[in-house]
Amino acid sequence: MKATADLPFNPCILIPVYNHAAVLENTVRLLVARGLSIVIVNDGSDAPHRAILERLAQGHACVHLVTHARNSGKGAAVKTGLIHAQELQFSHALQVDADGQHDLGDIERFLEAARAHPAALVAGHPVYDESVPRLRFYSRYLSHVLVWLNTLSFTIIDSMCGFRVYPLRQSCQLLKRAWLGNRMDFDGEFIVRWYWAGYPLVQLPTRVVYPVGGTSHFRYVRDNVLITIMHVKLFLLMILRLPILLARKFRATPPQFEV
């Protein structure tokens, strides 16, 4: 399926939130001051955080709040946000984490890249400082190797960074055609399936920090098990696509094919 963009460029910011509402208040104020529309997905936050999110939505007409009754995972929240953003007639959604890891100063640069390449997924690849946990830093490289194997390509620089601009039409089509993981396995699977579909990809460096005293919802055992299962599933699916992926290496223009 050929990726096209026939809608006016009308982006929003997508923020999945689970008990990070206090940190999010300042982020929302900064984004509103820049004239940006925001879709917040409350992924089952507790009552105090839910109250903060509801107050933010009531206080700003450009803030749209969607609520999950229970915590379903980051991937589930992103999927809900993408679908809701498309229903609101946005053309693109830039996903920003609620915990302060992403550099808001890069928003304009990423949106400009999306404006210039409206059919492309604009994906960040992290530039870390000394705050990154060493175990998290080195364990990412195993995922990189598995992604390169599952795509038979070194094209994807980083599969796990959530700071991305999603073209909503193609993204929601992809979500309809394939079931993707609901937790920390979502980011990696989405970008691999995006590559398989032959859709364009733009990758930009972006600074990622781990705030002092910040709370991560990454569960080392559970999420690594889910990510491992995801890579095994993708490997088996890659075998079925092997002739197409091999043929792509010898073509000037990548073929377009279903996920």
C-alpha atoms as a PDB file:
ATOM      1  CA  MET A   1       0.000   0.000   0.000  1.00  0.00           C
ATOM      2  CA  LYS A   2       1.525   3.286  -1.054  1.00  0.00           C
ATOM      3  CA  ALA A   3       1.999   5.859   1.675  1.00  0.00           C
ATOM      4  CA  THR A   4       0.460   9.184   0.706  1.00  0.00           C
ATOM      5  CA  ALA A   5      -0.447  12.335   2.565  1.00  0.00           C
ATOM      6  CA  ASP A   6      -3.431  14.252   1.207  1.00  0.00           C
ATOM      7  CA  LEU A   7      -4.511  16.049   4.381  1.00  0.00           C
ATOM      8  CA  PRO A   8      -3.368  19.516   5.480  1.00  0.00           C
ATOM      9  CA  PHE A   9      -0.497  19.334   7.961  1.00  0.00           C
ATOM     10  CA  ASN A  10      -2.256  19.550  11.315  1.00  0.00           C
ATOM     11  CA  PRO A  11      -0.153  17.961  14.085  1.00  0.00           C
ATOM     12  CA  CYS A  12      -0.837  17.368  17.750  1.00  0.00           C
ATOM     13  CA  ILE A  13       1.240  16.208  20.711  1.00  0.00           C
ATOM     14  CA  LEU A  14       0.354  12.759  22.079  1.00  0.00           C
ATOM     15  CA  ILE A  15       1.205  12.050  25.712  1.00  0.00           C
ATOM     16  CA  PRO A  16       0.471   8.680  27.373  1.00  0.00           C
ATOM     17  CA  VAL A  17       0.317   9.133  31.150  1.00  0.00           C
ATOM     18  CA  TYR A  18       0.342   6.745  34.073  1.00  0.00           C
ATOM     19  CA  ASN A  19       0.769   8.502  37.431  1.00  0.00           C
ATOM     20  CA  HIS A  20       3.066  11.202  36.024  1.00  0.00           C
ATOM     21  CA  ALA A  21       0.478  13.970  36.077  1.00  0.00           C
ATOM     22  CA  ALA A  22       2.389  16.221  38.490  1.00  0.00           C
ATOM     23  CA  VAL A  23       5.426  16.261  36.182  1.00  0.00           C
ATOM     24  CA  LEU A  24       3.132  16.777  33.201  1.00  0.00           C
ATOM     25  CA  GLU A  25       1.592  20.044  34.406  1.00  0.00           C
ATOM     26  CA  ASN A  26       4.617  22.129  33.457  1.00  0.00           C
ATOM     27  CA  THR A  27       4.993  20.276  30.147  1.00  0.00           C
ATOM     28  CA  VAL A  28       1.403  21.062  29.208  1.00  0.00           C
ATOM     29  CA  ARG A  29       1.851  24.742  30.049  1.00  0.00           C
ATOM     30  CA  LEU A  30       4.933  24.919  27.804  1.00  0.00           C
ATOM     31  CA  LEU A  31       3.161  23.153  24.932  1.00  0.00           C
ATOM     32  CA  VAL A  32       0.027  25.285  25.217  1.00  0.00           C
ATOM     33  CA  ALA A  33       2.196  28.421  25.159  1.00  0.00           C
ATOM     34  CA  ARG A  34       3.591  27.218  21.825  1.00  0.00           C
ATOM     35  CA  GLY A  35       0.082  26.936  20.395  1.00  0.00           C
ATOM     36  CA  LEU A  36       0.159  23.143  20.167  1.00  0.00           C
ATOM     37  CA  SER A  37      -2.859  20.872  20.539  1.00  0.00           C
ATOM     38  CA  ILE A  38      -2.416  17.973  22.951  1.00  0.00           C
ATOM     39  CA  VAL A  39      -4.013  14.543  23.230  1.00  0.00           C
ATOM     40  CA  ILE A  40      -3.434  13.037  26.681  1.00  0.00           C
ATOM     41  CA  VAL A  41      -4.221   9.381  27.315  1.00  0.00           C
ATOM     42  CA  ASN A  42      -4.694   8.674  31.012  1.00  0.00           C
ATOM     43  CA  ASP A  43      -3.706   5.012  31.234  1.00  0.00           C
ATOM     44  CA  GLY A  44      -5.501   4.169  34.472  1.00  0.00           C
ATOM     45  CA  SER A  45      -3.785   6.686  36.768  1.00  0.00           C
ATOM     46  CA  ASP A  46      -4.854   6.808  40.412  1.00  0.00           C
ATOM     47  CA  ALA A  47      -7.368   9.348  41.715  1.00  0.00           C
ATOM     48  CA  PRO A  48      -4.954  12.201  42.603  1.00  0.00           C
ATOM     49  CA  HIS A  49      -3.246  12.074  39.211  1.00  0.00           C
ATOM     50  CA  ARG A  50      -6.580  11.653  37.420  1.00  0.00           C
ATOM     51  CA  ALA A  51      -7.829  14.836  39.088  1.00  0.00           C
ATOM     52  CA  ILE A  52      -4.783  16.771  37.847  1.00  0.00           C
ATOM     53  CA  LEU A  53      -5.315  15.525  34.290  1.00  0.00           C
ATOM     54  CA  GLU A  54      -9.000  16.431  34.354  1.00  0.00           C
ATOM     55  CA  ARG A  55      -8.128  19.912  35.603  1.00  0.00           C
ATOM     56  CA  LEU A  56      -5.618  20.357  32.783  1.00  0.00           C
ATOM     57  CA  ALA A  57      -8.181  19.305  30.178  1.00  0.00           C
ATOM     58  CA  GLN A  58     -10.851  21.581  31.642  1.00  0.00           C
ATOM     59  CA  GLY A  59      -8.459  24.524  31.787  1.00  0.00           C
ATOM     60  CA  HIS A  60      -7.246  24.358  28.174  1.00  0.00           C
ATOM     61  CA  ALA A  61      -9.488  23.977  25.144  1.00  0.00           C
ATOM     62  CA  CYS A  62      -6.562  22.570  23.140  1.00  0.00           C
ATOM     63  CA  VAL A  63      -6.054  19.663  25.573  1.00  0.00           C
ATOM     64  CA  HIS A  64      -8.041  16.520  24.761  1.00  0.00           C
ATOM     65  CA  LEU A  65      -8.185  13.854  27.477  1.00  0.00           C
ATOM     66  CA  VAL A  66      -8.936  10.167  26.918  1.00  0.00           C
ATOM     67  CA  THR A  67      -9.081   7.831  29.915  1.00  0.00           C
ATOM     68  CA  HIS A  68      -8.491   4.097  30.282  1.00  0.00           C
ATOM     69  CA  ALA A  69     -10.442   2.574  33.153  1.00  0.00           C
ATOM     70  CA  ARG A  70      -7.399   0.509  34.139  1.00  0.00           C
ATOM     71  CA  ASN A  71      -3.697   0.539  33.370  1.00  0.00           C
ATOM     72  CA  SER A  72      -3.191  -1.252  30.054  1.00  0.00           C
ATOM     73  CA  GLY A  73       0.396  -0.296  29.190  1.00  0.00           C
ATOM     74  CA  LYS A  74       2.241   2.357  27.231  1.00  0.00           C
ATOM     75  CA  GLY A  75       1.612   0.667  23.890  1.00  0.00           C
ATOM     76  CA  ALA A  76      -2.123   0.490  24.532  1.00  0.00           C
ATOM     77  CA  ALA A  77      -2.157   4.175  25.484  1.00  0.00           C
ATOM     78  CA  VAL A  78      -0.264   5.181  22.342  1.00  0.00           C
ATOM     79  CA  LYS A  79      -2.635   3.153  20.156  1.00  0.00           C
ATOM     80  CA  THR A  80      -5.656   4.764  21.797  1.00  0.00           C
ATOM     81  CA  GLY A  81      -4.080   8.194  21.333  1.00  0.00           C
ATOM     82  CA  LEU A  82      -3.301   7.664  17.650  1.00  0.00           C
ATOM     83  CA  ILE A  83      -6.839   6.558  16.887  1.00  0.00           C
ATOM     84  CA  HIS A  84      -8.365   9.405  18.894  1.00  0.00           C
ATOM     85  CA  ALA A  85      -6.078  11.980  17.270  1.00  0.00           C
ATOM     86  CA  GLN A  86      -7.178  10.799  13.828  1.00  0.00           C
ATOM     87  CA  GLU A  87     -10.825  11.060  14.881  1.00  0.00           C
ATOM     88  CA  LEU A  88     -10.108  14.673  15.881  1.00  0.00           C
ATOM     89  CA  GLN A  89      -8.868  15.325  12.303  1.00  0.00           C
ATOM     90  CA  PHE A  90      -5.199  15.728  13.167  1.00  0.00           C
ATOM     91  CA  SER A  91      -2.805  14.601  10.447  1.00  0.00           C
ATOM     92  CA  HIS A  92       0.188  13.720  12.652  1.00  0.00           C
ATOM     93  CA  ALA A  93       0.895  13.000  16.312  1.00  0.00           C
ATOM     94  CA  LEU A  94       4.240  13.579  18.014  1.00  0.00           C
ATOM     95  CA  GLN A  95       4.482  11.254  20.990  1.00  0.00           C
ATOM     96  CA  VAL A  96       6.180  12.680  24.083  1.00  0.00           C
ATOM     97  CA  ASP A  97       6.747  10.761  27.306  1.00  0.00           C
ATOM     98  CA  ALA A  98       5.146  12.212  30.421  1.00  0.00           C
ATOM     99  CA  ASP A  99       8.130  11.592  32.712  1.00  0.00           C
ATOM    100  CA  GLY A 100      10.379  14.380  31.405  1.00  0.00           C
ATOM    101  CA  GLN A 101      12.858  12.191  29.502  1.00  0.00           C
ATOM    102  CA  HIS A 102      12.284  13.791  26.108  1.00  0.00           C
ATOM    103  CA  ASP A 103      13.719  17.135  25.010  1.00  0.00           C
ATOM    104  CA  LEU A 104      10.810  19.487  24.294  1.00  0.00           C
ATOM    105  CA  GLY A 105      13.241  21.774  22.501  1.00  0.00           C
ATOM    106  CA  ASP A 106      13.295  19.237  19.648  1.00  0.00           C
ATOM    107  CA  ILE A 107       9.550  19.393  19.013  1.00  0.00           C
ATOM    108  CA  GLU A 108       9.745  22.071  16.319  1.00  0.00           C
ATOM    109  CA  ARG A 109      12.610  20.268  14.561  1.00  0.00           C
ATOM    110  CA  PHE A 110      10.679  16.997  14.470  1.00  0.00           C
ATOM    111  CA  LEU A 111       7.465  18.662  13.317  1.00  0.00           C
ATOM    112  CA  GLU A 112       9.325  20.491  10.553  1.00  0.00           C
ATOM    113  CA  ALA A 113      10.750  17.162   9.391  1.00  0.00           C
ATOM    114  CA  ALA A 114       7.225  15.734   9.363  1.00  0.00           C
ATOM    115  CA  ARG A 115       5.953  18.729   7.412  1.00  0.00           C
ATOM    116  CA  ALA A 116       8.725  18.208   4.822  1.00  0.00           C
ATOM    117  CA  HIS A 117       8.102  14.431   4.681  1.00  0.00           C
ATOM    118  CA  PRO A 118       4.399  14.037   5.557  1.00  0.00           C
ATOM    119  CA  ALA A 119       4.207  10.313   4.736  1.00  0.00           C
ATOM    120  CA  ALA A 120       7.256   9.412   6.846  1.00  0.00           C
ATOM    121  CA  LEU A 121       7.532   8.176  10.400  1.00  0.00           C
ATOM    122  CA  VAL A 122       9.934  10.670  12.002  1.00  0.00           C
ATOM    123  CA  ALA A 123      11.698   8.607  14.652  1.00  0.00           C
ATOM    124  CA  GLY A 124      14.172   9.832  17.245  1.00  0.00           C
ATOM    125  CA  HIS A 125      17.356   8.043  18.127  1.00  0.00           C
ATOM    126  CA  PRO A 126      18.604   8.924  21.624  1.00  0.00           C
ATOM    127  CA  VAL A 127      21.649  10.951  22.570  1.00  0.00           C
ATOM    128  CA  TYR A 128      22.187  10.138  26.252  1.00  0.00           C
ATOM    129  CA  ASP A 129      23.978  11.981  29.007  1.00  0.00           C
ATOM    130  CA  GLU A 130      25.471  10.502  32.171  1.00  0.00           C
ATOM    131  CA  SER A 131      22.005  10.076  33.739  1.00  0.00           C
ATOM    132  CA  VAL A 132      21.169   6.969  31.677  1.00  0.00           C
ATOM    133  CA  PRO A 133      21.282   3.722  33.703  1.00  0.00           C
ATOM    134  CA  ARG A 134      24.160   1.614  32.377  1.00  0.00           C
ATOM    135  CA  LEU A 135      22.100  -1.592  32.265  1.00  0.00           C
ATOM    136  CA  ARG A 136      19.374   0.081  30.222  1.00  0.00           C
ATOM    137  CA  PHE A 137      21.980   1.633  27.911  1.00  0.00           C
ATOM    138  CA  TYR A 138      23.806  -1.586  27.052  1.00  0.00           C
ATOM    139  CA  SER A 139      20.726  -3.817  26.919  1.00  0.00           C
ATOM    140  CA  ARG A 140      19.328  -1.665  24.092  1.00  0.00           C
ATOM    141  CA  TYR A 141      22.070  -2.951  21.828  1.00  0.00           C
ATOM    142  CA  LEU A 142      20.651  -6.470  21.948  1.00  0.00           C
ATOM    143  CA  SER A 143      17.342  -5.072  20.693  1.00  0.00           C
ATOM    144  CA  HIS A 144      19.199  -3.186  17.955  1.00  0.00           C
ATOM    145  CA  VAL A 145      20.813  -6.409  16.729  1.00  0.00           C
ATOM    146  CA  LEU A 146      17.484  -8.251  16.735  1.00  0.00           C
ATOM    147  CA  VAL A 147      15.823  -5.433  14.810  1.00  0.00           C
ATOM    148  CA  TRP A 148      18.606  -5.490  12.218  1.00  0.00           C
ATOM    149  CA  LEU A 149      18.092  -9.246  11.908  1.00  0.00           C
ATOM    150  CA  ASN A 150      14.313  -8.950  11.575  1.00  0.00           C
ATOM    151  CA  THR A 151      14.624  -6.286   8.875  1.00  0.00           C
ATOM    152  CA  LEU A 152      17.771  -7.673   7.194  1.00  0.00           C
ATOM    153  CA  SER A 153      18.963  -4.082   7.282  1.00  0.00           C
ATOM    154  CA  PHE A 154      20.879  -1.596   9.410  1.00  0.00           C
ATOM    155  CA  THR A 155      18.404   1.134   8.437  1.00  0.00           C
ATOM    156  CA  ILE A 156      16.693   1.458  11.839  1.00  0.00           C
ATOM    157  CA  ILE A 157      19.105   3.205  14.186  1.00  0.00           C
ATOM    158  CA  ASP A 158      17.049   2.835  17.375  1.00  0.00           C
ATOM    159  CA  SER A 159      13.772   0.956  17.695  1.00  0.00           C
ATOM    160  CA  MET A 160      12.872   1.819  21.285  1.00  0.00           C
ATOM    161  CA  CYS A 161      12.786   5.616  21.428  1.00  0.00           C
ATOM    162  CA  GLY A 162       9.199   6.802  21.786  1.00  0.00           C
ATOM    163  CA  PHE A 163       9.870  10.376  20.633  1.00  0.00           C
ATOM    164  CA  ARG A 164       8.277  10.052  17.184  1.00  0.00           C
ATOM    165  CA  VAL A 165       5.969  11.824  14.772  1.00  0.00           C
ATOM    166  CA  TYR A 166       3.354   9.360  13.541  1.00  0.00           C
ATOM    167  CA  PRO A 167       1.534  10.062  10.229  1.00  0.00           C
ATOM    168  CA  LEU A 168      -1.924   9.161  11.471  1.00  0.00           C
ATOM    169  CA  ARG A 169      -3.512   7.701   8.363  1.00  0.00           C
ATOM    170  CA  GLN A 170      -0.773   5.169   7.669  1.00  0.00           C
ATOM    171  CA  SER A 171      -0.230   4.471  11.377  1.00  0.00           C
ATOM    172  CA  CYS A 172      -3.886   3.696  12.036  1.00  0.00           C
ATOM    173  CA  GLN A 173      -4.025   1.525   8.922  1.00  0.00           C
ATOM    174  CA  LEU A 174      -1.067  -0.435  10.241  1.00  0.00           C
ATOM    175  CA  LEU A 175      -2.765  -0.839  13.634  1.00  0.00           C
ATOM    176  CA  LYS A 176      -5.854  -2.262  11.917  1.00  0.00           C
ATOM    177  CA  ARG A 177      -3.832  -4.832   9.983  1.00  0.00           C
ATOM    178  CA  ALA A 178      -1.652  -6.165  12.783  1.00  0.00           C
ATOM    179  CA  TRP A 179      -1.995  -6.700  16.530  1.00  0.00           C
ATOM    180  CA  LEU A 180       0.872  -4.934  18.297  1.00  0.00           C
ATOM    181  CA  GLY A 181       1.966  -5.261  21.911  1.00  0.00           C
ATOM    182  CA  ASN A 182       0.353  -3.122  24.586  1.00  0.00           C
ATOM    183  CA  ARG A 183       3.376  -2.420  26.756  1.00  0.00           C
ATOM    184  CA  MET A 184       7.046  -1.581  26.231  1.00  0.00           C
ATOM    185  CA  ASP A 185       7.174  -3.983  23.278  1.00  0.00           C
ATOM    186  CA  PHE A 186       5.065  -1.603  21.173  1.00  0.00           C
ATOM    187  CA  ASP A 187       7.748   0.826  19.992  1.00  0.00           C
ATOM    188  CA  GLY A 188      10.063  -1.827  18.578  1.00  0.00           C
ATOM    189  CA  GLU A 189       7.341  -3.815  16.855  1.00  0.00           C
ATOM    190  CA  PHE A 190       5.732  -0.748  15.322  1.00  0.00           C
ATOM    191  CA  ILE A 191       8.893   0.532  13.643  1.00  0.00           C
ATOM    192  CA  VAL A 192       9.798  -2.934  12.305  1.00  0.00           C
ATOM    193  CA  ARG A 193       6.343  -3.364  10.823  1.00  0.00           C
ATOM    194  CA  TRP A 194       6.540   0.168   9.419  1.00  0.00           C
ATOM    195  CA  TYR A 195       9.783  -0.784   7.671  1.00  0.00           C
ATOM    196  CA  TRP A 196       8.281  -4.054   6.403  1.00  0.00           C
ATOM    197  CA  ALA A 197       5.394  -2.103   4.892  1.00  0.00           C
ATOM    198  CA  GLY A 198       7.841  -0.070   2.810  1.00  0.00           C
ATOM    199  CA  TYR A 199       6.752   3.210   4.353  1.00  0.00           C
ATOM    200  CA  PRO A 200       9.314   6.056   4.461  1.00  0.00           C
ATOM    201  CA  LEU A 201      11.359   6.636   7.596  1.00  0.00           C
ATOM    202  CA  VAL A 202      13.186   9.758   8.773  1.00  0.00           C
ATOM    203  CA  GLN A 203      15.468   9.472  11.806  1.00  0.00           C
ATOM    204  CA  LEU A 204      16.782  12.359  13.884  1.00  0.00           C
ATOM    205  CA  PRO A 205      19.017  12.470  16.980  1.00  0.00           C
ATOM    206  CA  THR A 206      17.367  13.737  20.148  1.00  0.00           C
ATOM    207  CA  ARG A 207      18.602  14.229  23.701  1.00  0.00           C
ATOM    208  CA  VAL A 208      17.137  11.820  26.265  1.00  0.00           C
ATOM    209  CA  VAL A 209      17.653  12.239  30.008  1.00  0.00           C
ATOM    210  CA  TYR A 210      16.643  10.289  33.089  1.00  0.00           C
ATOM    211  CA  PRO A 211      15.486  12.941  35.608  1.00  0.00           C
ATOM    212  CA  VAL A 212      16.814  12.716  39.165  1.00  0.00           C
ATOM    213  CA  GLY A 213      14.118  11.133  41.321  1.00  0.00           C
ATOM    214  CA  GLY A 214      12.117  10.201  38.229  1.00  0.00           C
ATOM    215  CA  THR A 215       9.878   7.147  38.207  1.00  0.00           C
ATOM    216  CA  SER A 216      10.136   4.627  35.392  1.00  0.00           C
ATOM    217  CA  HIS A 217       7.305   2.218  34.629  1.00  0.00           C
ATOM    218  CA  PHE A 218       9.683  -0.130  32.811  1.00  0.00           C
ATOM    219  CA  ARG A 219       9.487  -3.466  34.647  1.00  0.00           C
ATOM    220  CA  TYR A 220      12.787  -5.188  33.989  1.00  0.00           C
ATOM    221  CA  VAL A 221      11.611  -8.822  34.051  1.00  0.00           C
ATOM    222  CA  ARG A 222       8.091  -8.462  32.653  1.00  0.00           C
ATOM    223  CA  ASP A 223       8.949  -5.997  29.897  1.00  0.00           C
ATOM    224  CA  ASN A 224      12.117  -7.793  28.813  1.00  0.00           C
ATOM    225  CA  VAL A 225      10.112 -11.031  28.545  1.00  0.00           C
ATOM    226  CA  LEU A 226       7.516  -9.244  26.403  1.00  0.00           C
ATOM    227  CA  ILE A 227      10.216  -7.669  24.222  1.00  0.00           C
ATOM    228  CA  THR A 228      11.882 -11.069  23.770  1.00  0.00           C
ATOM    229  CA  ILE A 229       8.575 -12.676  22.743  1.00  0.00           C
ATOM    230  CA  MET A 230       7.988  -9.796  20.332  1.00  0.00           C
ATOM    231  CA  HIS A 231      11.371 -10.307  18.653  1.00  0.00           C
ATOM    232  CA  VAL A 232      10.773 -14.069  18.334  1.00  0.00           C
ATOM    233  CA  LYS A 233       7.384 -13.400  16.738  1.00  0.00           C
ATOM    234  CA  LEU A 234       8.911 -10.874  14.347  1.00  0.00           C
ATOM    235  CA  PHE A 235      11.689 -13.312  13.422  1.00  0.00           C
ATOM    236  CA  LEU A 236       9.161 -15.973  12.468  1.00  0.00           C
ATOM    237  CA  LEU A 237       7.174 -13.440  10.441  1.00  0.00           C
ATOM    238  CA  MET A 238      10.406 -12.206   8.850  1.00  0.00           C
ATOM    239  CA  ILE A 239      11.079 -15.709   7.521  1.00  0.00           C
ATOM    240  CA  LEU A 240       7.792 -15.492   5.611  1.00  0.00           C
ATOM    241  CA  ARG A 241       8.860 -12.141   4.175  1.00  0.00           C
ATOM    242  CA  LEU A 242      12.395 -13.241   3.412  1.00  0.00           C
ATOM    243  CA  PRO A 243      12.081 -13.175  -0.413  1.00  0.00           C
ATOM    244  CA  ILE A 244      10.633  -9.650  -0.346  1.00  0.00           C
ATOM    245  CA  LEU A 245      13.216  -8.327   2.108  1.00  0.00           C
ATOM    246  CA  LEU A 246      16.035  -9.816   0.068  1.00  0.00           C
ATOM    247  CA  ALA A 247      14.593  -8.404  -3.159  1.00  0.00           C
ATOM    248  CA  ARG A 248      14.450  -4.971  -1.556  1.00  0.00           C
ATOM    249  CA  LYS A 249      18.232  -4.906  -1.262  1.00  0.00           C
ATOM    250  CA  PHE A 250      18.558  -5.012  -5.053  1.00  0.00           C
ATOM    251  CA  ARG A 251      15.917  -2.413  -5.906  1.00  0.00           C
ATOM    252  CA  ALA A 252      16.375   1.339  -6.074  1.00  0.00           C
ATOM    253  CA  THR A 253      12.818   1.883  -4.821  1.00  0.00           C
ATOM    254  CA  PRO A 254      11.577  -0.304  -1.950  1.00  0.00           C
ATOM    255  CA  PRO A 255       8.423  -2.260  -2.860  1.00  0.00           C
ATOM    256  CA  GLN A 256       5.174  -1.456  -1.071  1.00  0.00           C
ATOM    257  CA  PHE A 257       3.528  -4.459   0.550  1.00  0.00           C
ATOM    258  CA  GLU A 258       1.084  -5.276   3.288  1.00  0.00           C
ATOM    259  CA  VAL A 259       2.111  -5.778   6.899  1.00  0.00           C
END
